[in-house]
Amino acid sequence: MDALWPFVRIGTTGLVLAAVAAQLSRTIQRALAAETAYAGDIPTVITNFLSYFTIQSNLAAAVVLAIAAIWAWTKGRDADAEPRGLAIALACVSTYMIVTGIVYNTLLRGVALDQGVTVPWSNEVLHVVVPVILLLDVLFAPRRRALGWATVGIVAIYPIVWAVYTLLRAPFIVAPATGTSYWYPYPFLDPNLVPGGYLGVAAYIAGIAVAIVGVGLLVIWIGRVRASRREARTAAV
């Protein structure tokens, strides 16, 4: 397992980059062929693409997994546990990707997608395959370090910043697909669609925040249990 897992991690990095590149290429091609100025606004189209939580969390996971693989092949060869900074980064991206999988498959799976702009295999990789791999990483990757419970506060920082950024930016962006005077990356964040407007959106955000904290605590707990068991085995020897 120790020898295998760095290859799983670096392979996942390559898969993420391929999936993101495929979807970005399709999105840009669609914009270049657009007949309206707002649909063909390349800077806005690219910024919107990079503003999705799914894209950001997948790219973050790709970077962290690559660093973890390189560490395992170099300094990690003789280490008993991951460096604290790497362990925190892995806890963060694992949480984000697991929550991405949960949210997509519970709230967004049934939402109709424009197959002219969506790359189906990329969509499944980013929303299903990679979240499953990160879950397996939490459960089986070697050299897990025990982290303090307060680490969940660090895990929560990025989602909070992303939500604030998204809600502040949305009213100032013309949606490339429709020409409306606002753009939200997900329908459950759009007060024009959600019953109750911003109050309804706040309820969704609160629910997702609970999910992020809950999953983050679960990831930390699993890491602590696995580290404790590893230490017990070492002591027994």
C-alpha atoms as a PDB file:
ATOM      1  CA  MET A   1       0.000   0.000   0.000  1.00  0.00           C
ATOM      2  CA  ASP A   2       2.805   2.426   0.874  1.00  0.00           C
ATOM      3  CA  ALA A   3       4.413   1.937  -2.530  1.00  0.00           C
ATOM      4  CA  LEU A   4       1.133   2.063  -4.457  1.00  0.00           C
ATOM      5  CA  TRP A   5      -0.523   5.153  -3.027  1.00  0.00           C
ATOM      6  CA  PRO A   6       1.799   7.835  -4.457  1.00  0.00           C
ATOM      7  CA  PHE A   7       0.951   6.486  -7.918  1.00  0.00           C
ATOM      8  CA  VAL A   8      -2.764   6.692  -7.114  1.00  0.00           C
ATOM      9  CA  ARG A   9      -2.293  10.304  -6.040  1.00  0.00           C
ATOM     10  CA  ILE A  10      -0.212  11.395  -9.040  1.00  0.00           C
ATOM     11  CA  GLY A  11      -2.581   9.529 -11.370  1.00  0.00           C
ATOM     12  CA  THR A  12      -5.515  11.390  -9.848  1.00  0.00           C
ATOM     13  CA  THR A  13      -3.689  14.683 -10.414  1.00  0.00           C
ATOM     14  CA  GLY A  14      -3.320  13.843 -14.098  1.00  0.00           C
ATOM     15  CA  LEU A  15      -6.980  12.800 -14.336  1.00  0.00           C
ATOM     16  CA  VAL A  16      -8.163  16.061 -12.774  1.00  0.00           C
ATOM     17  CA  LEU A  17      -6.015  18.186 -15.073  1.00  0.00           C
ATOM     18  CA  ALA A  18      -7.238  16.291 -18.146  1.00  0.00           C
ATOM     19  CA  ALA A  19     -10.882  16.644 -17.098  1.00  0.00           C
ATOM     20  CA  VAL A  20     -10.574  20.366 -16.316  1.00  0.00           C
ATOM     21  CA  ALA A  21      -8.684  21.024 -19.553  1.00  0.00           C
ATOM     22  CA  ALA A  22     -11.305  19.169 -21.607  1.00  0.00           C
ATOM     23  CA  GLN A  23     -14.181  21.104 -20.059  1.00  0.00           C
ATOM     24  CA  LEU A  24     -12.396  24.457 -20.297  1.00  0.00           C
ATOM     25  CA  SER A  25     -11.566  23.832 -23.952  1.00  0.00           C
ATOM     26  CA  ARG A  26     -15.198  22.999 -24.749  1.00  0.00           C
ATOM     27  CA  THR A  27     -16.377  26.080 -22.841  1.00  0.00           C
ATOM     28  CA  ILE A  28     -13.997  28.402 -24.713  1.00  0.00           C
ATOM     29  CA  GLN A  29     -14.935  26.861 -28.079  1.00  0.00           C
ATOM     30  CA  ARG A  30     -18.583  27.530 -27.301  1.00  0.00           C
ATOM     31  CA  ALA A  31     -17.799  31.154 -26.437  1.00  0.00           C
ATOM     32  CA  LEU A  32     -15.771  31.673 -29.614  1.00  0.00           C
ATOM     33  CA  ALA A  33     -18.701  30.452 -31.691  1.00  0.00           C
ATOM     34  CA  ALA A  34     -21.235  32.641 -29.863  1.00  0.00           C
ATOM     35  CA  GLU A  35     -23.266  35.191 -31.797  1.00  0.00           C
ATOM     36  CA  THR A  36     -23.808  37.645 -28.936  1.00  0.00           C
ATOM     37  CA  ALA A  37     -21.257  39.826 -27.180  1.00  0.00           C
ATOM     38  CA  TYR A  38     -22.148  38.582 -23.707  1.00  0.00           C
ATOM     39  CA  ALA A  39     -21.900  34.909 -24.723  1.00  0.00           C
ATOM     40  CA  GLY A  40     -18.569  35.521 -26.437  1.00  0.00           C
ATOM     41  CA  ASP A  41     -16.971  37.488 -23.606  1.00  0.00           C
ATOM     42  CA  ILE A  42     -13.950  35.199 -23.175  1.00  0.00           C
ATOM     43  CA  PRO A  43     -12.527  36.798 -19.964  1.00  0.00           C
ATOM     44  CA  THR A  44     -15.919  36.491 -18.249  1.00  0.00           C
ATOM     45  CA  VAL A  45     -16.451  32.947 -19.523  1.00  0.00           C
ATOM     46  CA  ILE A  46     -13.049  31.811 -18.231  1.00  0.00           C
ATOM     47  CA  THR A  47     -13.448  33.623 -14.894  1.00  0.00           C
ATOM     48  CA  ASN A  48     -16.884  32.068 -14.427  1.00  0.00           C
ATOM     49  CA  PHE A  49     -15.466  28.637 -15.207  1.00  0.00           C
ATOM     50  CA  LEU A  50     -12.732  29.074 -12.625  1.00  0.00           C
ATOM     51  CA  SER A  51     -15.272  30.379 -10.099  1.00  0.00           C
ATOM     52  CA  TYR A  52     -17.041  27.044  -9.676  1.00  0.00           C
ATOM     53  CA  PHE A  53     -16.397  25.410  -6.312  1.00  0.00           C
ATOM     54  CA  THR A  54     -16.034  22.102  -8.144  1.00  0.00           C
ATOM     55  CA  ILE A  55     -13.269  23.407 -10.409  1.00  0.00           C
ATOM     56  CA  GLN A  56     -11.388  25.164  -7.620  1.00  0.00           C
ATOM     57  CA  SER A  57     -11.581  22.219  -5.223  1.00  0.00           C
ATOM     58  CA  ASN A  58     -10.523  19.742  -7.916  1.00  0.00           C
ATOM     59  CA  LEU A  59      -7.535  21.877  -8.890  1.00  0.00           C
ATOM     60  CA  ALA A  60      -6.578  22.300  -5.245  1.00  0.00           C
ATOM     61  CA  ALA A  61      -6.835  18.538  -4.773  1.00  0.00           C
ATOM     62  CA  ALA A  62      -4.658  17.949  -7.838  1.00  0.00           C
ATOM     63  CA  VAL A  63      -1.922  20.225  -6.476  1.00  0.00           C
ATOM     64  CA  VAL A  64      -2.003  18.761  -2.961  1.00  0.00           C
ATOM     65  CA  LEU A  65      -2.040  15.163  -4.201  1.00  0.00           C
ATOM     66  CA  ALA A  66       0.936  15.862  -6.473  1.00  0.00           C
ATOM     67  CA  ILE A  67       2.857  17.388  -3.554  1.00  0.00           C
ATOM     68  CA  ALA A  68       1.945  14.392  -1.379  1.00  0.00           C
ATOM     69  CA  ALA A  69       3.149  11.952  -4.032  1.00  0.00           C
ATOM     70  CA  ILE A  70       6.448  13.789  -4.479  1.00  0.00           C
ATOM     71  CA  TRP A  71       6.928  13.937  -0.705  1.00  0.00           C
ATOM     72  CA  ALA A  72       6.326  10.176  -0.448  1.00  0.00           C
ATOM     73  CA  TRP A  73       8.952   9.489  -3.133  1.00  0.00           C
ATOM     74  CA  THR A  74      11.530  11.770  -1.491  1.00  0.00           C
ATOM     75  CA  LYS A  75      11.559  12.855   2.161  1.00  0.00           C
ATOM     76  CA  GLY A  76       8.603  10.641   2.999  1.00  0.00           C
ATOM     77  CA  ARG A  77      10.528   7.432   2.438  1.00  0.00           C
ATOM     78  CA  ASP A  78      11.855   7.462   6.001  1.00  0.00           C
ATOM     79  CA  ALA A  79       9.012   9.389   7.675  1.00  0.00           C
ATOM     80  CA  ASP A  80       6.502   7.930  10.108  1.00  0.00           C
ATOM     81  CA  ALA A  81       3.802  10.480   9.305  1.00  0.00           C
ATOM     82  CA  GLU A  82       3.015  13.306   6.902  1.00  0.00           C
ATOM     83  CA  PRO A  83       4.275  16.818   7.714  1.00  0.00           C
ATOM     84  CA  ARG A  84       1.632  18.791   9.586  1.00  0.00           C
ATOM     85  CA  GLY A  85       1.142  21.288   6.750  1.00  0.00           C
ATOM     86  CA  LEU A  86       0.619  18.535   4.184  1.00  0.00           C
ATOM     87  CA  ALA A  87      -1.754  16.701   6.533  1.00  0.00           C
ATOM     88  CA  ILE A  88      -3.864  19.848   6.942  1.00  0.00           C
ATOM     89  CA  ALA A  89      -3.905  20.459   3.190  1.00  0.00           C
ATOM     90  CA  LEU A  90      -5.000  16.867   2.565  1.00  0.00           C
ATOM     91  CA  ALA A  91      -7.740  17.193   5.189  1.00  0.00           C
ATOM     92  CA  CYS A  92      -8.971  20.363   3.472  1.00  0.00           C
ATOM     93  CA  VAL A  93      -9.091  19.050  -0.091  1.00  0.00           C
ATOM     94  CA  SER A  94     -10.500  15.701   1.027  1.00  0.00           C
ATOM     95  CA  THR A  95     -13.333  17.503   2.794  1.00  0.00           C
ATOM     96  CA  TYR A  96     -14.048  19.775  -0.169  1.00  0.00           C
ATOM     97  CA  MET A  97     -14.087  16.931  -2.665  1.00  0.00           C
ATOM     98  CA  ILE A  98     -16.259  14.649  -0.537  1.00  0.00           C
ATOM     99  CA  VAL A  99     -18.739  17.502  -0.011  1.00  0.00           C
ATOM    100  CA  THR A 100     -18.613  18.246  -3.750  1.00  0.00           C
ATOM    101  CA  GLY A 101     -19.643  14.662  -4.431  1.00  0.00           C
ATOM    102  CA  ILE A 102     -22.428  14.793  -1.850  1.00  0.00           C
ATOM    103  CA  VAL A 103     -23.832  18.155  -3.019  1.00  0.00           C
ATOM    104  CA  TYR A 104     -23.684  17.256  -6.719  1.00  0.00           C
ATOM    105  CA  ASN A 105     -25.372  13.907  -6.303  1.00  0.00           C
ATOM    106  CA  THR A 106     -28.067  15.190  -3.935  1.00  0.00           C
ATOM    107  CA  LEU A 107     -28.823  18.701  -5.270  1.00  0.00           C
ATOM    108  CA  LEU A 108     -27.492  18.892  -8.827  1.00  0.00           C
ATOM    109  CA  ARG A 109     -27.609  15.397 -10.327  1.00  0.00           C
ATOM    110  CA  GLY A 110     -31.097  15.966 -11.702  1.00  0.00           C
ATOM    111  CA  VAL A 111     -30.399  19.440 -13.109  1.00  0.00           C
ATOM    112  CA  ALA A 112     -30.492  19.417 -16.909  1.00  0.00           C
ATOM    113  CA  LEU A 113     -27.092  20.130 -18.447  1.00  0.00           C
ATOM    114  CA  ASP A 114     -26.390  21.761 -21.778  1.00  0.00           C
ATOM    115  CA  GLN A 115     -24.598  18.888 -23.515  1.00  0.00           C
ATOM    116  CA  GLY A 116     -23.355  21.344 -26.118  1.00  0.00           C
ATOM    117  CA  VAL A 117     -21.061  22.852 -23.497  1.00  0.00           C
ATOM    118  CA  THR A 118     -20.738  20.024 -20.952  1.00  0.00           C
ATOM    119  CA  VAL A 119     -18.191  17.244 -21.446  1.00  0.00           C
ATOM    120  CA  PRO A 120     -19.995  14.249 -19.897  1.00  0.00           C
ATOM    121  CA  TRP A 121     -16.931  12.193 -18.913  1.00  0.00           C
ATOM    122  CA  SER A 122     -15.237  15.263 -17.417  1.00  0.00           C
ATOM    123  CA  ASN A 123     -18.377  16.068 -15.447  1.00  0.00           C
ATOM    124  CA  GLU A 124     -18.438  12.576 -13.924  1.00  0.00           C
ATOM    125  CA  VAL A 125     -14.709  12.609 -13.141  1.00  0.00           C
ATOM    126  CA  LEU A 126     -14.878  15.947 -11.316  1.00  0.00           C
ATOM    127  CA  HIS A 127     -18.115  15.269  -9.429  1.00  0.00           C
ATOM    128  CA  VAL A 128     -17.971  11.526  -8.761  1.00  0.00           C
ATOM    129  CA  VAL A 129     -14.658   9.796  -9.505  1.00  0.00           C
ATOM    130  CA  VAL A 130     -12.315  12.233  -7.774  1.00  0.00           C
ATOM    131  CA  PRO A 131     -14.540  12.589  -4.658  1.00  0.00           C
ATOM    132  CA  VAL A 132     -14.535   8.794  -4.329  1.00  0.00           C
ATOM    133  CA  ILE A 133     -10.742   8.672  -4.708  1.00  0.00           C
ATOM    134  CA  LEU A 134     -10.311  11.340  -2.023  1.00  0.00           C
ATOM    135  CA  LEU A 135     -12.582   9.353   0.288  1.00  0.00           C
ATOM    136  CA  LEU A 136     -10.411   6.286  -0.318  1.00  0.00           C
ATOM    137  CA  ASP A 137      -7.354   8.444   0.332  1.00  0.00           C
ATOM    138  CA  VAL A 138      -8.727   9.355   3.750  1.00  0.00           C
ATOM    139  CA  LEU A 139      -9.405   5.701   4.528  1.00  0.00           C
ATOM    140  CA  PHE A 140      -6.323   3.999   3.137  1.00  0.00           C
ATOM    141  CA  ALA A 141      -3.448   6.393   2.341  1.00  0.00           C
ATOM    142  CA  PRO A 142      -0.376   5.594   4.484  1.00  0.00           C
ATOM    143  CA  ARG A 143       1.349   7.784   7.072  1.00  0.00           C
ATOM    144  CA  ARG A 144      -1.720   9.726   8.180  1.00  0.00           C
ATOM    145  CA  ARG A 145      -0.964  12.297  10.878  1.00  0.00           C
ATOM    146  CA  ALA A 146      -3.312  12.923  13.789  1.00  0.00           C
ATOM    147  CA  LEU A 147      -4.614  16.502  13.644  1.00  0.00           C
ATOM    148  CA  GLY A 148      -6.239  18.539  16.389  1.00  0.00           C
ATOM    149  CA  TRP A 149      -9.991  19.107  16.280  1.00  0.00           C
ATOM    150  CA  ALA A 150      -9.412  22.838  15.825  1.00  0.00           C
ATOM    151  CA  THR A 151      -8.139  22.036  12.315  1.00  0.00           C
ATOM    152  CA  VAL A 152     -11.770  22.052  11.195  1.00  0.00           C
ATOM    153  CA  GLY A 153     -11.625  25.850  11.533  1.00  0.00           C
ATOM    154  CA  ILE A 154      -8.905  25.924   8.880  1.00  0.00           C
ATOM    155  CA  VAL A 155     -10.962  23.587   6.690  1.00  0.00           C
ATOM    156  CA  ALA A 156     -13.918  25.998   6.864  1.00  0.00           C
ATOM    157  CA  ILE A 157     -11.995  29.111   5.779  1.00  0.00           C
ATOM    158  CA  TYR A 158     -11.958  28.540   2.011  1.00  0.00           C
ATOM    159  CA  PRO A 159     -15.682  27.656   1.625  1.00  0.00           C
ATOM    160  CA  ILE A 160     -16.621  30.799   3.551  1.00  0.00           C
ATOM    161  CA  VAL A 161     -14.391  32.979   1.370  1.00  0.00           C
ATOM    162  CA  TRP A 162     -15.748  31.290  -1.778  1.00  0.00           C
ATOM    163  CA  ALA A 163     -19.391  31.852  -0.751  1.00  0.00           C
ATOM    164  CA  VAL A 164     -18.775  35.542   0.025  1.00  0.00           C
ATOM    165  CA  TYR A 165     -16.894  36.023  -3.261  1.00  0.00           C
ATOM    166  CA  THR A 166     -19.650  34.304  -5.224  1.00  0.00           C
ATOM    167  CA  LEU A 167     -22.541  36.267  -3.741  1.00  0.00           C
ATOM    168  CA  LEU A 168     -20.748  39.622  -4.011  1.00  0.00           C
ATOM    169  CA  ARG A 169     -19.632  39.045  -7.608  1.00  0.00           C
ATOM    170  CA  ALA A 170     -22.835  37.546  -9.005  1.00  0.00           C
ATOM    171  CA  PRO A 171     -24.960  40.733  -9.389  1.00  0.00           C
ATOM    172  CA  PHE A 172     -22.239  42.412 -11.473  1.00  0.00           C
ATOM    173  CA  ILE A 173     -21.802  39.642 -14.070  1.00  0.00           C
ATOM    174  CA  VAL A 174     -23.852  39.236 -17.233  1.00  0.00           C
ATOM    175  CA  ALA A 175     -24.578  35.538 -17.640  1.00  0.00           C
ATOM    176  CA  PRO A 176     -22.947  34.343 -20.893  1.00  0.00           C
ATOM    177  CA  ALA A 177     -25.564  31.657 -21.484  1.00  0.00           C
ATOM    178  CA  THR A 178     -28.687  33.797 -21.026  1.00  0.00           C
ATOM    179  CA  GLY A 179     -27.734  37.463 -21.008  1.00  0.00           C
ATOM    180  CA  THR A 180     -29.317  38.040 -17.597  1.00  0.00           C
ATOM    181  CA  SER A 181     -27.740  40.766 -15.465  1.00  0.00           C
ATOM    182  CA  TYR A 182     -26.455  38.320 -12.858  1.00  0.00           C
ATOM    183  CA  TRP A 183     -24.621  34.993 -12.781  1.00  0.00           C
ATOM    184  CA  TYR A 184     -24.587  32.355 -10.055  1.00  0.00           C
ATOM    185  CA  PRO A 185     -22.566  29.151 -10.515  1.00  0.00           C
ATOM    186  CA  TYR A 186     -25.238  26.950  -8.919  1.00  0.00           C
ATOM    187  CA  PRO A 187     -29.041  27.277  -8.905  1.00  0.00           C
ATOM    188  CA  PHE A 188     -29.280  26.884  -5.118  1.00  0.00           C
ATOM    189  CA  LEU A 189     -27.268  30.107  -4.739  1.00  0.00           C
ATOM    190  CA  ASP A 190     -29.508  32.132  -7.059  1.00  0.00           C
ATOM    191  CA  PRO A 191     -32.020  34.186  -5.035  1.00  0.00           C
ATOM    192  CA  ASN A 192     -34.033  34.632  -8.223  1.00  0.00           C
ATOM    193  CA  LEU A 193     -34.668  30.879  -8.353  1.00  0.00           C
ATOM    194  CA  VAL A 194     -34.636  29.758  -4.725  1.00  0.00           C
ATOM    195  CA  PRO A 195     -37.954  30.152  -2.852  1.00  0.00           C
ATOM    196  CA  GLY A 196     -37.544  32.870  -0.260  1.00  0.00           C
ATOM    197  CA  GLY A 197     -34.811  34.689  -2.194  1.00  0.00           C
ATOM    198  CA  TYR A 198     -31.707  35.416  -0.169  1.00  0.00           C
ATOM    199  CA  LEU A 199     -33.264  33.828   2.920  1.00  0.00           C
ATOM    200  CA  GLY A 200     -33.640  30.565   1.021  1.00  0.00           C
ATOM    201  CA  VAL A 201     -30.073  30.864  -0.276  1.00  0.00           C
ATOM    202  CA  ALA A 202     -28.869  31.448   3.284  1.00  0.00           C
ATOM    203  CA  ALA A 203     -30.593  28.218   4.322  1.00  0.00           C
ATOM    204  CA  TYR A 204     -28.783  26.286   1.586  1.00  0.00           C
ATOM    205  CA  ILE A 205     -25.442  27.844   2.554  1.00  0.00           C
ATOM    206  CA  ALA A 206     -26.053  26.995   6.206  1.00  0.00           C
ATOM    207  CA  GLY A 207     -26.826  23.402   5.264  1.00  0.00           C
ATOM    208  CA  ILE A 208     -23.687  23.103   3.164  1.00  0.00           C
ATOM    209  CA  ALA A 209     -21.642  24.718   5.951  1.00  0.00           C
ATOM    210  CA  VAL A 210     -22.910  22.066   8.355  1.00  0.00           C
ATOM    211  CA  ALA A 211     -21.959  19.401   5.805  1.00  0.00           C
ATOM    212  CA  ILE A 212     -18.448  20.843   5.402  1.00  0.00           C
ATOM    213  CA  VAL A 213     -17.860  21.021   9.156  1.00  0.00           C
ATOM    214  CA  GLY A 214     -19.336  17.558   9.641  1.00  0.00           C
ATOM    215  CA  VAL A 215     -17.272  15.968   6.882  1.00  0.00           C
ATOM    216  CA  GLY A 216     -14.194  17.879   8.055  1.00  0.00           C
ATOM    217  CA  LEU A 217     -14.608  16.509  11.576  1.00  0.00           C
ATOM    218  CA  LEU A 218     -15.102  13.016  10.168  1.00  0.00           C
ATOM    219  CA  VAL A 219     -11.915  13.300   8.075  1.00  0.00           C
ATOM    220  CA  ILE A 220      -9.977  14.498  11.134  1.00  0.00           C
ATOM    221  CA  TRP A 221     -11.422  11.730  13.299  1.00  0.00           C
ATOM    222  CA  ILE A 222     -10.475   9.031  10.785  1.00  0.00           C
ATOM    223  CA  GLY A 223      -6.948  10.459  10.596  1.00  0.00           C
ATOM    224  CA  ARG A 224      -6.644  10.415  14.388  1.00  0.00           C
ATOM    225  CA  VAL A 225      -7.902   6.830  14.635  1.00  0.00           C
ATOM    226  CA  ARG A 226      -5.579   5.617  11.892  1.00  0.00           C
ATOM    227  CA  ALA A 227      -2.579   7.415  13.416  1.00  0.00           C
ATOM    228  CA  SER A 228      -3.380   5.951  16.827  1.00  0.00           C
ATOM    229  CA  ARG A 229      -3.586   2.437  15.418  1.00  0.00           C
ATOM    230  CA  ARG A 230      -0.294   2.898  13.580  1.00  0.00           C
ATOM    231  CA  GLU A 231       1.406   4.065  16.761  1.00  0.00           C
ATOM    232  CA  ALA A 232      -0.039   1.118  18.663  1.00  0.00           C
ATOM    233  CA  ARG A 233       1.311  -1.332  16.086  1.00  0.00           C
ATOM    234  CA  THR A 234       4.723   0.330  16.218  1.00  0.00           C
ATOM    235  CA  ALA A 235       4.788   0.175  20.011  1.00  0.00           C
ATOM    236  CA  ALA A 236       3.827  -3.495  19.947  1.00  0.00           C
ATOM    237  CA  VAL A 237       6.800  -4.271  17.746  1.00  0.00           C
END
